[in-house]
Structures are given as C-alpha cells and as structure tokens.
C-alpha cells in the first residue's frame, strides 16, 4: 500500500491532500477543518503533551498537533509521505516533530511515552490479527491518563 501513497505524494505539493482517497479538494479541506475542530474540543491539548500518530502519512493532523503540543512523532510505512511531513514541518518552523519510517504492524512505541496516541484511517487497512497485535503495545505506550483517539471511516 505504501507504493500507492508514495506515488500520490510525488504528484501533490499540498500537505493536506496526499493520502486522501478523493481528489475533491473542497471535500478534503472541509473534512480536515471539521476533524481538527473536533479533536481540539475532545482532547485538552497542552504544551506538555507528547503525541504520536501511527499511520500519520504526510502529517495532515500531526503537524497541526505540533503547533499545540510539546512533541509529536509521526509513524508511517510510506517514506514519501514522511518526506512531505518533514518538508512541511521545516517550512512551518516546527522543531518538535520526529518521524519514524515503520509499518503499524512492526512499530512498537516506547512504554508510557505518550499522552496522546492517534490513529486516523489506518485500522481499516489492517486485518483483525494486525489490529489485535497493536492493542497491548498501544495501551502500554499511553501515560497514566493518556488518551487514545481512533478516527476511522
């Protein structure tokens, strides 16, 4: 699947569009605004938070988070998508962004390291066994009182 996203990433300069399944720019931008507004209402974001997005793609949500929290880690199987995220983070002057090139199936986050773990549209791409294998490592990655955000279609 990462080959598909890498090919799309090479065609688009807008960091919001790569990784989306529609070319309807107005639809993508509206969804983007609504999702971020909902996340801001649902999760109290602070400068002390450490967040990670697994399946972060080009950083559509993660880079927005980086402007609101202390540190954000983006994990994705697509190096092309992560390259877009790194360029966009640099363009925005964000120095609190880290990227990790790994698939959700192989990545294992550090225990107790994150106040916020975010999945956005990734779990629907995995089979049941892969999702089940993620449960314990993700639960372990959360700090006491940390939050898991699942945004799946």
C-alpha atoms as a PDB file:
ATOM      1  CA  UNK A   1       0.000   0.000   0.000  1.00  0.00           C
ATOM      2  CA  UNK A   2       2.830   2.449   0.699  1.00  0.00           C
ATOM      3  CA  UNK A   3       3.763   2.419  -3.012  1.00  0.00           C
ATOM      4  CA  UNK A   4       0.327   3.861  -3.807  1.00  0.00           C
ATOM      5  CA  UNK A   5       0.684   6.655  -1.250  1.00  0.00           C
ATOM      6  CA  UNK A   6       4.265   7.386  -2.320  1.00  0.00           C
ATOM      7  CA  UNK A   7       3.135   7.783  -5.938  1.00  0.00           C
ATOM      8  CA  UNK A   8       0.321  10.145  -4.915  1.00  0.00           C
ATOM      9  CA  UNK A   9       2.699  12.084  -2.666  1.00  0.00           C
ATOM     10  CA  UNK A  10       5.017  12.734  -5.589  1.00  0.00           C
ATOM     11  CA  UNK A  11       2.151  14.316  -7.552  1.00  0.00           C
ATOM     12  CA  UNK A  12       0.907  16.798  -4.929  1.00  0.00           C
ATOM     13  CA  UNK A  13       2.525  19.762  -3.187  1.00  0.00           C
ATOM     14  CA  UNK A  14      -0.328  20.386  -0.727  1.00  0.00           C
ATOM     15  CA  UNK A  15       0.396  18.523   2.554  1.00  0.00           C
ATOM     16  CA  UNK A  16      -3.310  18.071   3.245  1.00  0.00           C
ATOM     17  CA  UNK A  17      -4.058  16.132   0.064  1.00  0.00           C
ATOM     18  CA  UNK A  18      -1.622  13.172  -0.055  1.00  0.00           C
ATOM     19  CA  UNK A  19      -3.043  10.043   1.467  1.00  0.00           C
ATOM     20  CA  UNK A  20      -6.641  11.007   0.825  1.00  0.00           C
ATOM     21  CA  UNK A  21      -8.902   8.813  -1.239  1.00  0.00           C
ATOM     22  CA  UNK A  22     -10.631  11.596  -3.143  1.00  0.00           C
ATOM     23  CA  UNK A  23      -9.378  14.312  -5.422  1.00  0.00           C
ATOM     24  CA  UNK A  24     -12.226  16.639  -4.403  1.00  0.00           C
ATOM     25  CA  UNK A  25     -10.127  19.346  -2.765  1.00  0.00           C
ATOM     26  CA  UNK A  26     -13.100  21.156  -1.180  1.00  0.00           C
ATOM     27  CA  UNK A  27     -14.265  17.908   0.444  1.00  0.00           C
ATOM     28  CA  UNK A  28     -10.797  17.133   1.796  1.00  0.00           C
ATOM     29  CA  UNK A  29     -10.364  20.636   3.204  1.00  0.00           C
ATOM     30  CA  UNK A  30     -13.796  20.620   4.865  1.00  0.00           C
ATOM     31  CA  UNK A  31     -13.128  17.207   6.432  1.00  0.00           C
ATOM     32  CA  UNK A  32      -9.741  18.462   7.594  1.00  0.00           C
ATOM     33  CA  UNK A  33     -11.230  21.517   9.335  1.00  0.00           C
ATOM     34  CA  UNK A  34     -14.023  19.506  10.969  1.00  0.00           C
ATOM     35  CA  UNK A  35     -11.698  16.773  12.242  1.00  0.00           C
ATOM     36  CA  UNK A  36      -9.265  19.233  13.767  1.00  0.00           C
ATOM     37  CA  UNK A  37     -12.045  21.246  15.405  1.00  0.00           C
ATOM     38  CA  UNK A  38     -13.499  18.075  16.889  1.00  0.00           C
ATOM     39  CA  UNK A  39     -10.106  16.899  18.156  1.00  0.00           C
ATOM     40  CA  UNK A  40      -9.471  20.285  19.789  1.00  0.00           C
ATOM     41  CA  UNK A  41     -12.829  20.043  21.587  1.00  0.00           C
ATOM     42  CA  UNK A  42     -12.475  16.379  22.571  1.00  0.00           C
ATOM     43  CA  UNK A  43      -8.886  16.399  23.857  1.00  0.00           C
ATOM     44  CA  UNK A  44      -7.403  19.108  26.073  1.00  0.00           C
ATOM     45  CA  UNK A  45      -4.151  19.844  24.222  1.00  0.00           C
ATOM     46  CA  UNK A  46      -1.246  21.286  26.207  1.00  0.00           C
ATOM     47  CA  UNK A  47       2.369  22.222  25.535  1.00  0.00           C
ATOM     48  CA  UNK A  48       3.439  19.469  27.951  1.00  0.00           C
ATOM     49  CA  UNK A  49       1.874  16.676  25.874  1.00  0.00           C
ATOM     50  CA  UNK A  50       3.749  14.115  23.847  1.00  0.00           C
ATOM     51  CA  UNK A  51       1.675  12.787  20.955  1.00  0.00           C
ATOM     52  CA  UNK A  52       2.177  10.098  18.349  1.00  0.00           C
ATOM     53  CA  UNK A  53       0.198   9.408  15.206  1.00  0.00           C
ATOM     54  CA  UNK A  54       0.569   5.927  13.791  1.00  0.00           C
ATOM     55  CA  UNK A  55      -0.211   5.963  10.099  1.00  0.00           C
ATOM     56  CA  UNK A  56       0.479   9.707  10.010  1.00  0.00           C
ATOM     57  CA  UNK A  57       1.025   9.955   6.269  1.00  0.00           C
ATOM     58  CA  UNK A  58       2.080  13.459   5.248  1.00  0.00           C
ATOM     59  CA  UNK A  59       1.287  14.836   8.684  1.00  0.00           C
ATOM     60  CA  UNK A  60      -2.073  16.453   7.993  1.00  0.00           C
ATOM     61  CA  UNK A  61      -3.154  16.065  11.634  1.00  0.00           C
ATOM     62  CA  UNK A  62       0.242  15.603  13.296  1.00  0.00           C
ATOM     63  CA  UNK A  63       1.673  18.890  12.078  1.00  0.00           C
ATOM     64  CA  UNK A  64      -1.429  20.691  13.275  1.00  0.00           C
ATOM     65  CA  UNK A  65      -0.928  18.987  16.650  1.00  0.00           C
ATOM     66  CA  UNK A  66       2.735  20.029  16.701  1.00  0.00           C
ATOM     67  CA  UNK A  67       1.603  23.653  16.870  1.00  0.00           C
ATOM     68  CA  UNK A  68      -0.380  22.850  20.034  1.00  0.00           C
ATOM     69  CA  UNK A  69       1.573  20.202  21.995  1.00  0.00           C
ATOM     70  CA  UNK A  70       5.134  19.717  23.171  1.00  0.00           C
ATOM     71  CA  UNK A  71       6.244  16.921  20.866  1.00  0.00           C
ATOM     72  CA  UNK A  72       4.756  14.894  18.016  1.00  0.00           C
ATOM     73  CA  UNK A  73       6.028  11.667  16.492  1.00  0.00           C
ATOM     74  CA  UNK A  74       4.781  10.625  13.063  1.00  0.00           C
ATOM     75  CA  UNK A  75       4.972   6.939  12.162  1.00  0.00           C
ATOM     76  CA  UNK A  76       4.226   5.763   8.641  1.00  0.00           C
ATOM     77  CA  UNK A  77       5.147   2.965   6.250  1.00  0.00           C
ATOM     78  CA  UNK A  78       5.495   5.461   3.398  1.00  0.00           C
ATOM     79  CA  UNK A  79       8.833   7.258   3.257  1.00  0.00           C
ATOM     80  CA  UNK A  80       7.384   9.523   0.560  1.00  0.00           C
ATOM     81  CA  UNK A  81       4.613  10.687   2.880  1.00  0.00           C
ATOM     82  CA  UNK A  82       7.070  11.250   5.740  1.00  0.00           C
ATOM     83  CA  UNK A  83       9.306  13.288   3.434  1.00  0.00           C
ATOM     84  CA  UNK A  84       6.371  15.604   2.753  1.00  0.00           C
ATOM     85  CA  UNK A  85       5.739  15.889   6.502  1.00  0.00           C
ATOM     86  CA  UNK A  86       9.386  16.756   7.200  1.00  0.00           C
ATOM     87  CA  UNK A  87       9.428  19.423   4.462  1.00  0.00           C
ATOM     88  CA  UNK A  88       6.182  20.934   5.708  1.00  0.00           C
ATOM     89  CA  UNK A  89       7.375  20.880   9.346  1.00  0.00           C
ATOM     90  CA  UNK A  90      10.537  22.719   8.292  1.00  0.00           C
ATOM     91  CA  UNK A  91       8.522  25.218   6.234  1.00  0.00           C
ATOM     92  CA  UNK A  92       6.363  25.938   9.299  1.00  0.00           C
ATOM     93  CA  UNK A  93       9.392  26.183  11.609  1.00  0.00           C
ATOM     94  CA  UNK A  94       8.272  23.224  13.722  1.00  0.00           C
ATOM     95  CA  UNK A  95      11.165  21.761  15.682  1.00  0.00           C
ATOM     96  CA  UNK A  96       9.133  19.408  17.880  1.00  0.00           C
ATOM     97  CA  UNK A  97       8.378  16.851  15.141  1.00  0.00           C
ATOM     98  CA  UNK A  98      10.006  13.441  14.811  1.00  0.00           C
ATOM     99  CA  UNK A  99       9.342  10.909  12.044  1.00  0.00           C
ATOM    100  CA  UNK A 100       9.730   7.140  12.123  1.00  0.00           C
ATOM    101  CA  UNK A 101       9.588   5.065   8.951  1.00  0.00           C
ATOM    102  CA  UNK A 102       7.816   1.861  10.037  1.00  0.00           C
ATOM    103  CA  UNK A 103       4.623  -0.018   9.420  1.00  0.00           C
ATOM    104  CA  UNK A 104       1.957  -0.197  12.101  1.00  0.00           C
ATOM    105  CA  UNK A 105       2.480  -3.952  12.214  1.00  0.00           C
ATOM    106  CA  UNK A 106       6.193  -3.702  13.057  1.00  0.00           C
ATOM    107  CA  UNK A 107       6.392  -0.464  15.065  1.00  0.00           C
ATOM    108  CA  UNK A 108       6.450  -0.785  18.837  1.00  0.00           C
ATOM    109  CA  UNK A 109       6.228   2.501  20.744  1.00  0.00           C
ATOM    110  CA  UNK A 110       8.094   3.178  23.950  1.00  0.00           C
ATOM    111  CA  UNK A 111       6.079   2.204  27.041  1.00  0.00           C
ATOM    112  CA  UNK A 112       4.479   5.101  28.926  1.00  0.00           C
ATOM    113  CA  UNK A 113       5.845   7.650  26.459  1.00  0.00           C
ATOM    114  CA  UNK A 114       2.725   9.325  25.045  1.00  0.00           C
ATOM    115  CA  UNK A 115      -0.145  11.388  26.397  1.00  0.00           C
ATOM    116  CA  UNK A 116      -1.990  11.042  23.096  1.00  0.00           C
ATOM    117  CA  UNK A 117      -1.956   8.175  20.594  1.00  0.00           C
ATOM    118  CA  UNK A 118      -3.795   8.862  17.359  1.00  0.00           C
ATOM    119  CA  UNK A 119      -4.917   6.524  14.598  1.00  0.00           C
ATOM    120  CA  UNK A 120      -6.599   8.223  11.672  1.00  0.00           C
ATOM    121  CA  UNK A 121      -7.888   5.930   8.948  1.00  0.00           C
ATOM    122  CA  UNK A 122      -5.233   3.277   9.480  1.00  0.00           C
ATOM    123  CA  UNK A 123      -7.041   0.478  11.266  1.00  0.00           C
ATOM    124  CA  UNK A 124      -9.426  -0.092   8.372  1.00  0.00           C
ATOM    125  CA  UNK A 125      -6.364  -1.009   6.268  1.00  0.00           C
ATOM    126  CA  UNK A 126      -5.268  -3.763   8.672  1.00  0.00           C
ATOM    127  CA  UNK A 127      -6.645  -7.244   9.170  1.00  0.00           C
ATOM    128  CA  UNK A 128      -8.088  -8.332  12.505  1.00  0.00           C
ATOM    129  CA  UNK A 129      -4.887 -10.073  13.620  1.00  0.00           C
ATOM    130  CA  UNK A 130      -2.791  -6.941  12.981  1.00  0.00           C
ATOM    131  CA  UNK A 131      -5.239  -4.746  14.903  1.00  0.00           C
ATOM    132  CA  UNK A 132      -5.302  -7.214  17.795  1.00  0.00           C
ATOM    133  CA  UNK A 133      -1.497  -7.250  17.873  1.00  0.00           C
ATOM    134  CA  UNK A 134      -1.493  -3.451  18.286  1.00  0.00           C
ATOM    135  CA  UNK A 135      -3.781  -3.333  21.324  1.00  0.00           C
ATOM    136  CA  UNK A 136      -1.303  -4.140  24.102  1.00  0.00           C
ATOM    137  CA  UNK A 137       1.664  -2.117  22.736  1.00  0.00           C
ATOM    138  CA  UNK A 138      -0.549   0.929  22.235  1.00  0.00           C
ATOM    139  CA  UNK A 139      -2.118   0.599  25.680  1.00  0.00           C
ATOM    140  CA  UNK A 140       1.384   0.324  27.149  1.00  0.00           C
ATOM    141  CA  UNK A 141       2.545   3.408  25.214  1.00  0.00           C
ATOM    142  CA  UNK A 142      -0.001   5.657  26.930  1.00  0.00           C
ATOM    143  CA  UNK A 143       0.873   7.566  30.075  1.00  0.00           C
ATOM    144  CA  UNK A 144      -1.474   7.298  33.052  1.00  0.00           C
ATOM    145  CA  UNK A 145      -4.491   9.326  31.996  1.00  0.00           C
ATOM    146  CA  UNK A 146      -3.330   9.334  28.366  1.00  0.00           C
ATOM    147  CA  UNK A 147      -5.828   9.268  25.545  1.00  0.00           C
ATOM    148  CA  UNK A 148      -6.277   7.084  22.508  1.00  0.00           C
ATOM    149  CA  UNK A 149      -8.025   8.723  19.568  1.00  0.00           C
ATOM    150  CA  UNK A 150      -9.409   6.457  16.856  1.00  0.00           C
ATOM    151  CA  UNK A 151     -10.711   8.241  13.797  1.00  0.00           C
ATOM    152  CA  UNK A 152     -11.760   5.594  11.325  1.00  0.00           C
ATOM    153  CA  UNK A 153     -14.196   5.775   8.420  1.00  0.00           C
END
